[in-house]
Amino acid sequence: MPEKKTVSPQPNDLKNIGAVLRKKREEHAYTLEHVSEITRITLTCLRNIEEGNLDALPGLVFVRGFIRNYAKLLGIESDWMIEALNQAYSDRTQVQSSPDRISSMDQLTHPTPSNTKPLILGGAVVIIGLVVFLLYWQNKPLNQYAALNKEVETVQAIDTKAQTAEVLETDIQKATEIQPIEPVKQEISPLTLTLVAMANDWIRLGIDDQEPFDLRLKKGEKYDWPAKERYVLVMTTGDTALVHLNGEEIVERENFRDELYQVKLNKFTLTRINNR
């Protein structure tokens, strides 16, 4: 393993990080295939890192681990690279979010004028129709309908009383019935993942079928996540956090103290732990 040398910080640009890594690799006469075989980083990711193609790389957690392992192989300091990488991702996020804000402000400061002419014309037509109907109704003879109206009113009165009595009887029956109270079922998650942060570092976590999310841990803090079936955990290194599944510590991460740590945890993981 070549002796580590400190490299002066470069501007916050992934292209500068890639240029430093490529130059040092060529000094050691390493090929990309050789680096990929040792670090287990794909050739595509190595090329994108050296060329500074930020959009073609995976999430921040993965890229941080890739650069740490690459720099370690070449014997150069990687702390300034990680800081530059964090800044590059932060600037990228701000640029992507700014157009949405401008669009929202334009909508607030330049409201779309509403066309009220159709509403005014529609209201005028309705008013004219009501006036014509009232004039027609007042001039219409009502004598021929008088007897029919009395019969209809009588029938409606009888039906109303009968319906009222039926409704009252139904309400009394419902009030006297004792409705059984169903017990509240408390759902218990079969799996619980617990992380105790050992450093201020990033992780990526996927729970069941949910979309994975990135989270920056705070050293000394404890984090718990319930799940039904499984987790997919990615940490920058195996020393990022202590990992427990249903109270059982996952110790195999200790073999990844300086490497990107990826693991899938489920009920079979617990069976394997109990049988070891």
Foldseek 3Di string as FASTA:
>chain_A
DDAADEDDADALALQVLLCVLVVLCVVVPHDLVNLCVVQVDDSVQNVCSNRRVPVVDDDLLVVLQVSLSSSVVSRYDCPSVNVSSVVVVVVVVVVVCVVVVVVVVCCVVPPDDDDCVVVVVVVVVVVVVVVVVVVVVVPDDCPVCPVVVVVVVVVVVVVVVVVVVVVVVVVVVVVPDDDDDDDDDDDDFPKKKKWAFQDQFKKWKDADPDDIDMDGDDHRDMDMDGHRFKMKIKGSWLNGTFIDMVNHTDPVSVVTRSGIDIDMDGPVVVVVSVVD
